[in-house]
N, C-alpha and C. Protein backbone atom coordinates (compact mmCIF):
# COMPACT_ATOMS: atom_id res chain seq x y z
N MET A 1 1.17 -1.28 0.12
CA MET A 1 -0.01 0.07 0.06
C MET A 1 0.76 1.40 0.16
N GLN A 2 0.64 2.49 -0.72
CA GLN A 2 1.47 3.47 -1.12
C GLN A 2 1.17 4.12 0.47
N PRO A 3 2.02 4.83 0.93
CA PRO A 3 1.81 5.75 2.14
C PRO A 3 1.21 6.97 1.62
N THR A 4 0.31 7.58 2.53
CA THR A 4 -0.59 8.73 2.58
C THR A 4 0.35 9.85 2.22
N ARG A 5 -0.09 11.00 1.78
CA ARG A 5 0.50 12.14 1.93
C ARG A 5 1.16 12.64 3.34
N SER A 6 0.25 12.21 4.31
CA SER A 6 0.58 12.74 5.93
C SER A 6 1.62 12.02 6.22
N GLU A 7 1.50 10.57 5.95
CA GLU A 7 2.78 9.75 6.49
C GLU A 7 4.03 10.05 5.44
N SER A 8 4.11 10.49 4.54
CA SER A 8 5.12 10.91 3.68
C SER A 8 6.03 12.06 4.39
N ALA A 9 4.87 13.08 4.38
CA ALA A 9 5.30 14.37 4.98
C ALA A 9 5.99 13.98 6.33
N ALA A 10 5.50 13.12 7.24
CA ALA A 10 6.04 12.88 8.51
C ALA A 10 7.27 12.35 8.63
N GLN A 11 7.54 11.46 7.26
CA GLN A 11 8.78 10.69 7.58
C GLN A 11 10.01 11.87 6.93
N THR A 12 9.63 12.91 6.30
CA THR A 12 10.60 13.86 6.03
C THR A 12 10.78 15.08 6.58
N GLN A 13 10.07 15.15 7.95
CA GLN A 13 10.29 16.42 8.68
C GLN A 13 11.47 16.63 9.17
N PRO A 14 12.03 18.02 9.71
CA PRO A 14 13.20 18.28 10.35
C PRO A 14 13.31 17.45 11.41
N GLU A 15 14.39 17.28 12.08
CA GLU A 15 14.76 16.80 13.29
C GLU A 15 13.93 17.08 14.52
N ALA A 16 13.99 18.36 14.56
CA ALA A 16 13.27 19.15 15.88
C ALA A 16 12.65 20.04 15.42
N LEU A 17 11.40 20.65 16.08
CA LEU A 17 10.80 21.74 15.86
C LEU A 17 11.26 23.12 16.74
N THR A 18 11.77 22.78 17.90
CA THR A 18 12.03 23.76 19.06
C THR A 18 13.16 23.33 19.69
N ARG A 19 14.32 24.14 19.80
CA ARG A 19 15.39 23.73 20.73
C ARG A 19 15.49 24.70 21.93
N ARG A 20 15.94 24.49 23.08
CA ARG A 20 16.31 25.46 23.98
C ARG A 20 16.85 26.70 23.76
N THR A 21 17.96 26.64 22.87
CA THR A 21 18.51 27.78 22.54
C THR A 21 17.51 28.86 21.94
N ALA A 22 16.81 28.31 21.23
CA ALA A 22 15.88 29.41 20.33
C ALA A 22 15.06 29.88 21.37
N LEU A 23 14.52 29.09 22.49
CA LEU A 23 13.69 29.47 23.40
C LEU A 23 14.11 30.35 24.34
N LYS A 24 15.60 30.43 24.57
CA LYS A 24 16.37 31.44 25.49
C LYS A 24 16.17 32.50 24.87
N LEU A 25 16.43 32.75 23.32
CA LEU A 25 16.30 33.90 22.75
C LEU A 25 15.38 34.53 22.79
N SER A 26 13.99 33.94 22.98
CA SER A 26 12.84 34.46 22.83
C SER A 26 12.34 34.82 24.33
N ALA A 27 13.21 34.54 25.39
CA ALA A 27 12.66 34.84 26.70
C ALA A 27 12.50 36.06 26.82
N ALA A 28 13.48 36.94 26.20
CA ALA A 28 13.55 38.39 26.85
C ALA A 28 12.08 38.94 26.29
N VAL A 29 11.51 38.43 25.35
CA VAL A 29 10.12 39.15 24.89
C VAL A 29 9.16 38.80 25.63
N ILE A 30 8.84 37.34 26.19
CA ILE A 30 8.01 36.94 27.15
C ILE A 30 8.32 37.48 28.68
N LEU A 31 9.47 37.52 28.92
CA LEU A 31 9.82 38.12 30.36
C LEU A 31 9.36 39.76 30.29
N GLY A 32 9.66 40.28 29.30
CA GLY A 32 9.40 41.92 29.37
C GLY A 32 7.98 42.26 29.58
N GLY A 33 6.94 41.55 29.43
CA GLY A 33 5.51 41.99 29.48
C GLY A 33 4.80 41.15 30.61
N SER A 34 5.52 40.26 31.19
CA SER A 34 4.88 39.24 31.93
C SER A 34 4.96 39.47 33.61
N PHE A 35 5.79 40.26 34.13
CA PHE A 35 6.02 40.36 35.36
C PHE A 35 5.64 41.74 36.40
N GLY A 36 5.33 41.41 37.51
CA GLY A 36 5.16 42.60 38.28
C GLY A 36 5.80 42.57 39.58
N ALA A 37 5.87 43.20 40.60
CA ALA A 37 6.70 42.85 41.67
C ALA A 37 6.43 41.79 42.60
N GLY A 38 7.47 40.95 42.91
CA GLY A 38 7.30 39.79 44.02
C GLY A 38 8.40 39.54 44.58
N ALA A 39 8.31 38.51 45.37
CA ALA A 39 9.45 37.98 46.18
C ALA A 39 10.02 36.78 45.58
N CYS A 40 11.16 36.39 45.88
CA CYS A 40 11.94 35.25 45.23
C CYS A 40 12.09 34.07 46.11
N ALA A 41 11.31 34.19 47.09
CA ALA A 41 11.34 32.66 48.02
C ALA A 41 10.95 31.38 47.29
N GLY A 42 11.44 30.64 47.77
CA GLY A 42 10.81 29.00 47.24
C GLY A 42 11.91 28.62 45.59
N LEU A 43 13.08 29.20 45.82
CA LEU A 43 13.93 28.67 44.71
C LEU A 43 14.72 27.59 45.20
N SER A 44 14.63 26.80 46.02
CA SER A 44 15.69 25.94 46.50
C SER A 44 15.63 24.56 45.80
N ARG A 45 14.49 24.50 45.09
CA ARG A 45 14.31 22.73 44.55
C ARG A 45 13.65 23.28 43.04
N TRP A 46 14.02 22.33 42.26
CA TRP A 46 13.24 22.30 40.76
C TRP A 46 11.90 22.07 40.97
N GLY A 47 11.43 20.93 41.45
CA GLY A 47 10.20 20.46 41.17
C GLY A 47 9.20 20.48 42.48
N ARG A 48 7.92 20.24 42.25
CA ARG A 48 7.21 19.97 43.43
C ARG A 48 6.12 19.51 42.90
N SER A 49 4.93 18.84 43.94
CA SER A 49 3.91 18.06 43.50
C SER A 49 3.00 18.90 42.70
N GLU A 50 2.44 18.61 41.50
CA GLU A 50 1.54 19.39 40.72
C GLU A 50 -0.10 19.18 41.21
N PRO A 51 -0.79 19.84 41.07
CA PRO A 51 -2.35 19.45 41.59
C PRO A 51 -2.78 18.67 40.47
N GLN A 52 -3.78 17.71 40.95
CA GLN A 52 -4.12 16.68 39.78
C GLN A 52 -5.39 17.18 39.01
N ALA A 53 -6.38 17.96 39.81
CA ALA A 53 -7.67 18.44 38.92
C ALA A 53 -7.33 19.57 37.98
N TYR A 54 -8.27 19.71 36.94
CA TYR A 54 -7.99 20.60 35.90
C TYR A 54 -9.37 21.31 35.94
N ARG A 55 -9.25 22.55 35.46
CA ARG A 55 -10.59 23.39 35.91
C ARG A 55 -11.24 23.55 34.31
N PHE A 56 -10.33 23.27 33.17
CA PHE A 56 -11.29 23.20 31.91
C PHE A 56 -10.86 21.78 31.26
N PHE A 57 -9.79 21.01 31.25
CA PHE A 57 -9.42 20.08 30.61
C PHE A 57 -10.01 18.96 31.09
N THR A 58 -10.40 17.82 30.26
CA THR A 58 -10.57 16.64 30.97
C THR A 58 -9.19 15.81 30.97
N GLY A 59 -9.25 14.80 31.77
CA GLY A 59 -7.90 14.19 32.04
C GLY A 59 -7.08 13.82 30.73
N ASP A 60 -7.80 13.39 29.76
CA ASP A 60 -7.38 12.82 28.16
C ASP A 60 -6.93 13.98 27.55
N GLU A 61 -7.53 15.20 27.57
CA GLU A 61 -7.04 16.20 26.89
C GLU A 61 -5.92 16.84 27.56
N ALA A 62 -5.59 16.90 28.95
CA ALA A 62 -4.60 17.40 29.59
C ALA A 62 -3.59 16.38 29.17
N THR A 63 -3.66 15.11 29.39
CA THR A 63 -2.54 14.08 29.08
C THR A 63 -1.94 14.41 27.57
N LEU A 64 -2.64 14.64 26.53
CA LEU A 64 -2.33 15.03 25.16
C LEU A 64 -1.52 16.27 25.08
N LEU A 65 -2.19 17.38 25.76
CA LEU A 65 -1.46 18.75 25.78
C LEU A 65 -0.21 18.67 26.50
N ILE A 66 0.01 18.01 27.66
CA ILE A 66 1.28 17.96 28.16
C ILE A 66 2.33 17.45 27.36
N ALA A 67 1.98 16.47 26.59
CA ALA A 67 2.94 15.79 25.80
C ALA A 67 3.21 16.56 24.57
N MET A 68 2.30 17.67 24.08
CA MET A 68 2.64 18.68 23.15
C MET A 68 3.39 19.48 23.59
N CYS A 69 3.34 19.97 24.90
CA CYS A 69 4.05 21.17 25.30
C CYS A 69 5.44 20.73 25.73
N GLU A 70 5.55 19.47 26.25
CA GLU A 70 6.91 18.87 26.49
C GLU A 70 7.77 18.79 25.15
N GLN A 71 7.20 18.62 23.97
CA GLN A 71 7.90 18.75 22.78
C GLN A 71 8.40 20.27 22.36
N ILE A 72 7.67 21.09 23.05
CA ILE A 72 7.79 22.54 22.50
C ILE A 72 9.24 22.92 23.70
N ILE A 73 8.99 22.73 24.82
CA ILE A 73 9.97 22.95 25.91
C ILE A 73 10.57 21.53 26.63
N PRO A 74 11.19 20.93 25.91
CA PRO A 74 11.53 19.47 26.54
C PRO A 74 12.35 19.60 27.60
N ARG A 75 12.42 18.57 28.59
CA ARG A 75 13.26 18.53 29.77
C ARG A 75 14.51 18.14 29.03
N ASP A 76 15.60 18.71 29.46
CA ASP A 76 16.95 18.31 29.38
C ASP A 76 18.13 18.52 30.59
N ASP A 77 18.97 19.10 30.53
CA ASP A 77 19.80 19.49 31.79
C ASP A 77 18.82 20.41 32.81
N ALA A 78 17.89 21.00 32.29
CA ALA A 78 17.01 21.89 32.99
C ALA A 78 15.47 21.42 32.92
N PRO A 79 14.69 21.93 33.57
CA PRO A 79 13.20 21.56 33.72
C PRO A 79 12.78 21.83 32.23
N GLY A 80 11.65 21.27 31.74
CA GLY A 80 10.75 21.47 30.70
C GLY A 80 9.40 21.83 31.10
N ALA A 81 8.76 21.86 30.00
CA ALA A 81 7.13 22.24 30.19
C ALA A 81 6.44 21.44 31.42
N THR A 82 6.87 20.46 31.58
CA THR A 82 5.91 19.43 32.53
C THR A 82 6.53 19.95 33.77
N ASP A 83 7.74 19.83 33.82
CA ASP A 83 8.15 20.45 35.25
C ASP A 83 7.79 21.80 35.66
N ALA A 84 7.52 22.67 34.87
CA ALA A 84 7.07 24.12 35.18
C ALA A 84 5.68 24.23 35.28
N GLY A 85 4.90 23.09 35.16
CA GLY A 85 3.39 22.97 35.15
C GLY A 85 2.61 24.07 34.20
N VAL A 86 3.09 23.88 32.85
CA VAL A 86 2.49 24.80 31.80
C VAL A 86 1.19 24.33 31.56
N ILE A 87 0.87 23.10 31.94
CA ILE A 87 -0.51 22.75 31.50
C ILE A 87 -1.37 23.35 32.70
N HIS A 88 -0.89 23.68 33.82
CA HIS A 88 -1.75 24.23 34.89
C HIS A 88 -1.93 25.83 34.43
N TYR A 89 -1.17 26.51 33.92
CA TYR A 89 -1.12 27.62 33.32
C TYR A 89 -2.29 27.96 32.51
N ILE A 90 -1.95 27.11 31.34
CA ILE A 90 -2.88 26.94 30.42
C ILE A 90 -4.48 26.87 30.59
N ASP A 91 -4.54 26.00 31.52
CA ASP A 91 -5.95 25.48 32.18
C ASP A 91 -6.51 26.60 32.97
N ARG A 92 -5.76 27.41 33.82
CA ARG A 92 -6.45 28.41 34.76
C ARG A 92 -6.60 29.76 33.70
N GLN A 93 -5.80 29.85 32.71
CA GLN A 93 -6.25 31.14 31.86
C GLN A 93 -7.37 30.65 31.02
N LEU A 94 -7.74 29.59 30.42
CA LEU A 94 -8.64 29.28 29.82
C LEU A 94 -10.16 29.47 30.54
N CYS A 95 -10.01 29.28 31.83
CA CYS A 95 -11.14 29.76 32.72
C CYS A 95 -11.17 31.13 33.34
N GLY A 96 -10.32 32.02 32.40
CA GLY A 96 -10.08 33.26 32.90
C GLY A 96 -10.02 34.19 31.55
N PRO A 97 -8.82 34.73 31.46
CA PRO A 97 -8.69 35.78 30.53
C PRO A 97 -8.65 35.29 29.12
N TYR A 98 -8.36 33.86 28.86
CA TYR A 98 -8.45 33.28 27.55
C TYR A 98 -9.59 32.34 27.25
N THR A 99 -10.81 32.76 27.88
CA THR A 99 -12.08 31.93 27.88
C THR A 99 -12.19 31.76 26.15
N ARG A 100 -11.93 32.99 25.27
CA ARG A 100 -12.10 32.79 24.06
C ARG A 100 -11.42 31.79 23.09
N HIS A 101 -10.32 31.02 23.88
CA HIS A 101 -9.57 30.00 23.12
C HIS A 101 -10.17 28.65 23.44
N GLN A 102 -10.92 28.48 24.38
CA GLN A 102 -11.63 27.20 24.72
C GLN A 102 -12.18 26.47 23.71
N ALA A 103 -12.98 26.95 22.78
CA ALA A 103 -13.46 26.13 21.56
C ALA A 103 -12.08 25.88 20.71
N THR A 104 -11.06 26.70 20.64
CA THR A 104 -9.88 26.48 19.71
C THR A 104 -9.52 25.03 20.51
N TYR A 105 -9.15 25.03 21.62
CA TYR A 105 -8.35 23.76 22.44
C TYR A 105 -9.19 22.62 22.36
N ARG A 106 -10.43 23.06 22.59
CA ARG A 106 -11.41 21.76 22.43
C ARG A 106 -11.32 20.87 21.01
N ARG A 107 -11.54 21.87 20.03
CA ARG A 107 -11.63 21.20 18.60
C ARG A 107 -10.26 20.72 18.33
N GLY A 108 -9.31 21.47 18.69
CA GLY A 108 -7.74 21.18 18.22
C GLY A 108 -7.09 19.83 18.88
N LEU A 109 -7.73 19.59 20.20
CA LEU A 109 -6.94 18.36 20.76
C LEU A 109 -7.87 17.26 20.44
N ASP A 110 -8.98 17.44 20.01
CA ASP A 110 -9.71 16.26 19.51
C ASP A 110 -9.17 15.83 18.18
N ALA A 111 -9.05 17.02 17.48
CA ALA A 111 -8.57 16.57 15.89
C ALA A 111 -7.19 16.11 15.88
N MET A 112 -6.41 16.44 16.94
CA MET A 112 -5.13 15.91 17.06
C MET A 112 -5.06 14.55 17.48
N ARG A 113 -5.84 14.05 18.14
CA ARG A 113 -6.17 12.76 18.91
C ARG A 113 -6.69 11.89 17.29
N GLN A 114 -7.45 12.48 16.44
CA GLN A 114 -7.86 11.90 15.24
C GLN A 114 -6.82 11.54 14.27
N THR A 115 -6.05 12.77 14.03
CA THR A 115 -4.87 12.72 13.34
C THR A 115 -3.82 11.66 13.58
N CYS A 116 -3.53 11.55 15.07
CA CYS A 116 -2.68 10.52 15.20
C CYS A 116 -3.08 9.15 15.18
N ALA A 117 -4.47 8.86 15.62
CA ALA A 117 -5.12 7.60 15.21
C ALA A 117 -4.83 7.21 13.78
N ARG A 118 -5.07 8.07 12.87
CA ARG A 118 -5.01 7.69 11.41
C ARG A 118 -3.66 7.70 11.03
N VAL A 119 -3.04 8.47 11.16
CA VAL A 119 -1.58 8.23 10.52
C VAL A 119 -0.63 7.44 11.24
N TYR A 120 -0.74 7.43 12.69
CA TYR A 120 0.15 6.60 13.50
C TYR A 120 -0.39 5.32 14.14
N GLN A 121 -1.69 5.29 14.06
CA GLN A 121 -2.40 4.07 14.81
C GLN A 121 -2.35 4.15 16.04
N THR A 122 -2.01 5.24 16.90
CA THR A 122 -1.83 5.00 18.32
C THR A 122 -2.02 6.70 18.89
N ARG A 123 -2.16 6.69 20.27
CA ARG A 123 -2.12 8.07 20.74
C ARG A 123 -0.84 9.03 20.42
N PHE A 124 -0.89 10.22 20.58
CA PHE A 124 0.23 11.18 20.27
C PHE A 124 1.29 10.85 21.57
N GLU A 125 0.98 10.67 22.69
CA GLU A 125 1.43 10.46 24.10
C GLU A 125 2.31 9.41 24.05
N GLN A 126 1.67 8.19 23.24
CA GLN A 126 2.33 6.91 23.36
C GLN A 126 3.46 6.83 22.02
N LEU A 127 3.64 7.87 21.34
CA LEU A 127 4.78 8.21 20.36
C LEU A 127 5.92 8.22 20.78
N ASP A 128 7.18 7.78 20.31
CA ASP A 128 8.34 8.23 20.73
C ASP A 128 8.77 9.74 20.32
N PHE A 129 9.61 10.32 20.72
CA PHE A 129 9.98 11.74 20.58
C PHE A 129 9.85 12.12 19.13
N LYS A 130 10.64 11.57 18.29
CA LYS A 130 10.86 11.80 17.01
C LYS A 130 9.30 11.91 16.24
N ARG A 131 8.53 10.68 16.65
CA ARG A 131 7.44 10.87 15.95
C ARG A 131 6.44 11.70 16.35
N GLN A 132 6.66 12.07 17.70
CA GLN A 132 6.02 13.16 18.03
C GLN A 132 6.33 14.41 17.31
N THR A 133 7.59 14.58 17.20
CA THR A 133 7.97 15.94 16.44
C THR A 133 7.45 15.84 15.02
N ALA A 134 7.29 14.74 14.34
CA ALA A 134 6.87 14.41 13.13
C ALA A 134 5.41 15.00 13.01
N ALA A 135 4.50 14.50 14.37
CA ALA A 135 3.09 14.81 14.09
C ALA A 135 3.00 16.21 14.36
N LEU A 136 3.71 17.00 15.16
CA LEU A 136 3.47 18.44 15.25
C LEU A 136 3.88 19.03 13.81
N TRP A 137 4.93 18.57 13.29
CA TRP A 137 5.24 19.02 11.98
C TRP A 137 4.19 18.91 11.06
N LEU A 138 3.40 18.20 11.27
CA LEU A 138 2.12 18.05 10.22
C LEU A 138 1.37 19.24 10.61
N LEU A 139 1.04 19.42 11.69
CA LEU A 139 0.16 20.54 12.16
C LEU A 139 0.97 21.98 11.68
N GLU A 140 2.05 22.23 11.93
CA GLU A 140 2.62 23.38 11.62
C GLU A 140 2.77 23.63 10.07
N THR A 141 2.73 22.58 9.22
CA THR A 141 2.61 22.79 7.91
C THR A 141 1.34 22.63 7.22
N ASN A 142 0.21 22.43 7.97
CA ASN A 142 -1.08 22.10 7.53
C ASN A 142 -0.91 20.89 6.73
N GLN A 143 -0.33 19.86 6.98
CA GLN A 143 -0.32 18.66 6.34
C GLN A 143 -1.22 17.52 6.81
N ALA A 144 -1.78 17.62 7.97
CA ALA A 144 -2.66 16.49 8.70
C ALA A 144 -3.74 16.42 7.96
N PRO A 145 -4.52 14.95 8.34
CA PRO A 145 -5.74 14.91 7.29
C PRO A 145 -6.74 16.03 7.48
N ALA A 146 -7.17 16.62 6.55
CA ALA A 146 -7.80 17.69 6.54
C ALA A 146 -9.38 17.52 7.03
N GLU A 147 -9.89 16.22 7.08
CA GLU A 147 -11.26 15.92 7.30
C GLU A 147 -11.46 16.02 8.73
N PHE A 148 -10.36 15.99 9.77
CA PHE A 148 -10.12 16.00 11.13
C PHE A 148 -10.24 17.54 11.41
N TRP A 149 -10.16 18.48 10.51
CA TRP A 149 -9.66 19.84 11.14
C TRP A 149 -10.68 20.74 10.11
N SER A 150 -11.70 20.33 9.89
CA SER A 150 -12.81 21.33 9.35
C SER A 150 -13.00 22.63 10.12
N GLY A 151 -13.06 23.47 9.57
CA GLY A 151 -13.44 24.98 10.54
C GLY A 151 -12.42 25.13 11.49
N ALA A 152 -11.10 24.56 11.46
CA ALA A 152 -10.16 24.63 12.77
C ALA A 152 -8.88 24.86 11.75
N SER A 153 -7.70 25.66 12.09
CA SER A 153 -6.37 25.84 11.72
C SER A 153 -5.42 25.08 12.33
N GLN A 154 -5.11 24.21 11.39
CA GLN A 154 -3.97 23.34 12.09
C GLN A 154 -2.71 24.08 12.57
N ALA A 155 -2.21 25.06 11.84
CA ALA A 155 -0.97 25.76 11.91
C ALA A 155 -1.50 26.93 13.19
N GLY A 156 -2.85 27.47 13.05
CA GLY A 156 -3.24 28.26 13.93
C GLY A 156 -3.14 27.88 15.14
N PHE A 157 -3.82 26.47 15.50
CA PHE A 157 -3.79 25.95 16.80
C PHE A 157 -2.54 25.64 17.38
N PHE A 158 -1.47 25.07 16.64
CA PHE A 158 -0.06 24.85 16.89
C PHE A 158 0.37 25.99 17.30
N SER A 159 0.37 27.12 16.68
CA SER A 159 0.71 28.42 17.27
C SER A 159 0.47 28.76 18.42
N LEU A 160 -0.92 28.55 18.65
CA LEU A 160 -1.44 28.89 19.86
C LEU A 160 -1.04 28.31 21.04
N VAL A 161 -0.60 26.92 20.84
CA VAL A 161 -0.06 26.11 22.05
C VAL A 161 1.33 26.51 22.32
N ILE A 162 2.08 26.93 21.24
CA ILE A 162 3.45 27.49 21.43
C ILE A 162 3.53 28.40 22.20
N GLU A 163 2.58 29.69 21.76
CA GLU A 163 2.65 30.66 22.62
C GLU A 163 2.16 30.51 23.99
N HIS A 164 1.19 29.66 24.35
CA HIS A 164 0.68 29.53 25.37
C HIS A 164 1.69 28.91 26.42
N THR A 165 2.39 27.76 25.75
CA THR A 165 3.48 27.10 26.60
C THR A 165 4.71 27.97 26.97
N ARG A 166 5.11 28.92 26.01
CA ARG A 166 6.17 30.09 26.60
C ARG A 166 5.62 30.91 27.61
N GLN A 167 4.43 31.22 27.70
CA GLN A 167 3.96 32.07 28.49
C GLN A 167 3.77 31.40 30.15
N GLY A 168 3.50 30.21 29.89
CA GLY A 168 3.11 29.21 31.13
C GLY A 168 4.84 29.03 31.57
N PHE A 169 5.75 28.91 30.77
CA PHE A 169 7.20 28.63 31.04
C PHE A 169 7.86 29.80 31.70
N TYR A 170 7.82 30.98 31.07
CA TYR A 170 8.65 32.07 31.29
C TYR A 170 7.82 33.02 32.09
N GLY A 171 6.48 32.99 32.33
CA GLY A 171 5.86 34.25 33.21
C GLY A 171 5.91 33.89 34.55
N SER A 172 5.01 34.68 35.12
CA SER A 172 5.12 34.81 36.55
C SER A 172 4.33 33.62 37.34
N PRO A 173 4.88 32.99 38.24
CA PRO A 173 4.26 31.73 38.86
C PRO A 173 3.00 32.26 39.49
N ARG A 174 2.60 33.48 39.75
CA ARG A 174 1.31 33.75 40.23
C ARG A 174 0.19 33.34 39.25
N HIS A 175 0.65 33.17 38.00
CA HIS A 175 -0.59 32.78 36.93
C HIS A 175 -0.61 31.27 36.78
N GLY A 176 -0.11 30.65 37.45
CA GLY A 176 -0.01 29.10 37.31
C GLY A 176 0.78 28.33 36.80
N GLY A 177 2.06 28.93 36.27
CA GLY A 177 2.84 28.22 35.44
C GLY A 177 4.28 28.42 36.35
N ASN A 178 5.30 28.28 35.67
CA ASN A 178 6.67 28.31 36.05
C ASN A 178 7.00 27.98 37.64
N LEU A 179 6.52 26.84 37.95
CA LEU A 179 6.67 26.35 39.13
C LEU A 179 7.95 26.51 39.69
N ASN A 180 8.14 26.88 40.86
CA ASN A 180 9.36 27.05 41.55
C ASN A 180 10.59 27.85 40.60
N TYR A 181 9.82 28.58 39.79
CA TYR A 181 10.84 29.78 38.98
C TYR A 181 11.81 28.75 38.35
N ALA A 182 11.04 27.86 37.48
CA ALA A 182 12.06 27.07 36.80
C ALA A 182 12.66 27.68 35.59
N SER A 183 12.01 28.39 34.90
CA SER A 183 12.59 29.06 33.71
C SER A 183 13.73 30.41 34.28
N TYR A 184 13.56 30.94 35.50
CA TYR A 184 14.50 31.91 35.78
C TYR A 184 15.75 30.93 36.23
N ARG A 185 15.73 29.85 36.65
CA ARG A 185 16.81 29.19 37.23
C ARG A 185 17.50 28.91 35.95
N MET A 186 16.71 28.34 35.16
CA MET A 186 17.26 27.81 33.71
C MET A 186 18.32 29.14 32.95
N LEU A 187 17.81 30.51 33.37
CA LEU A 187 18.44 31.38 32.64
C LEU A 187 19.24 32.09 33.32
N GLY A 188 19.37 31.71 34.90
CA GLY A 188 20.21 32.20 35.81
C GLY A 188 19.79 33.40 36.22
N LEU A 189 18.58 33.92 36.57
CA LEU A 189 18.09 35.16 36.68
C LEU A 189 17.36 35.17 38.22
N ALA A 190 17.34 36.16 38.79
CA ALA A 190 16.40 36.39 40.13
C ALA A 190 15.05 36.72 39.51
N TYR A 191 14.12 36.88 40.38
CA TYR A 191 12.98 37.17 40.02
C TYR A 191 12.73 38.56 39.33
N PRO A 192 12.45 38.59 38.05
CA PRO A 192 12.52 39.64 37.14
C PRO A 192 11.47 40.71 37.80
N ASN A 193 11.92 42.21 37.68
CA ASN A 193 11.17 43.11 38.12
C ASN A 193 11.02 44.16 36.91
N PRO A 194 10.26 45.05 36.77
CA PRO A 194 9.55 45.68 35.58
C PRO A 194 10.93 46.35 34.84
N ILE A 195 11.88 46.91 35.52
CA ILE A 195 13.07 47.42 34.67
C ILE A 195 14.05 46.69 34.34
N GLY A 196 13.87 45.16 34.68
CA GLY A 196 14.80 44.22 34.25
C GLY A 196 16.15 44.13 34.91
N GLN A 197 16.31 44.47 36.15
CA GLN A 197 17.30 44.30 36.68
C GLN A 197 17.24 43.26 37.89
N ASN A 198 18.27 42.71 38.05
CA ASN A 198 18.36 41.62 39.17
C ASN A 198 18.89 42.43 40.66
N ARG A 199 17.93 43.00 41.18
CA ARG A 199 18.34 43.75 42.36
C ARG A 199 18.55 42.85 43.74
N TYR A 200 17.92 41.58 43.55
CA TYR A 200 17.96 40.92 44.91
C TYR A 200 18.90 39.87 44.96
N ALA A 201 20.47 40.38 44.88
CA ALA A 201 21.23 39.25 44.89
C ALA A 201 21.32 38.12 45.60
N ALA A 202 20.87 38.24 46.76
CA ALA A 202 20.56 37.28 47.64
C ALA A 202 19.64 36.06 47.24
N ALA A 203 18.90 36.51 46.66
CA ALA A 203 17.69 35.80 46.19
C ALA A 203 18.06 35.10 44.74
N ARG A 204 19.26 35.36 44.15
CA ARG A 204 19.50 34.77 42.68
C ARG A 204 20.00 33.48 42.80
N PRO A 205 19.60 32.42 41.85
CA PRO A 205 19.75 30.97 41.81
C PRO A 205 21.30 30.72 42.10
N GLY A 206 21.34 29.85 42.70
CA GLY A 206 22.96 29.46 42.79
C GLY A 206 23.30 28.58 41.86
């Protein structure tokens, strides 16, 4: 049987969509408009137990989105999206200032589930890292099976997830993400303040 267009595209996608170096370069933009005043307590460890309940997502939706976010900011020698609790940032914002994106996430996650079932015969979160990258590349290039994305933009949904993942990773912990200041520690920053200076030397990550 000849491979489908989606399968062929997935086999020829680039090795990676996003690398930590590129994310570091974009951090200044995210950090610049995201922070207010605050203390820098609680920087002594990377991780902590995350809450299990979600305000908007179902358990299956959250599991899928967590895997997608971890592709965007993967764990390596520093915490990734999962460690930073990005899912909880997105979940909280969808029940607050981002309610307008609720339908986009609901449709997009369902379409992503159907896409992976068709192209890979399994769930996205059960794919290895390379095939997850390939699946996201299909969205980025609008090459996923069109019948699952009727009335929804593949690339638009993926871009929204990327943007919200970055916000949840680099933003203030008071908004639900960046658990234990994970991104600040990765960047070697103290708690950022509006004028962009690290005034609190005693609180800087060691």
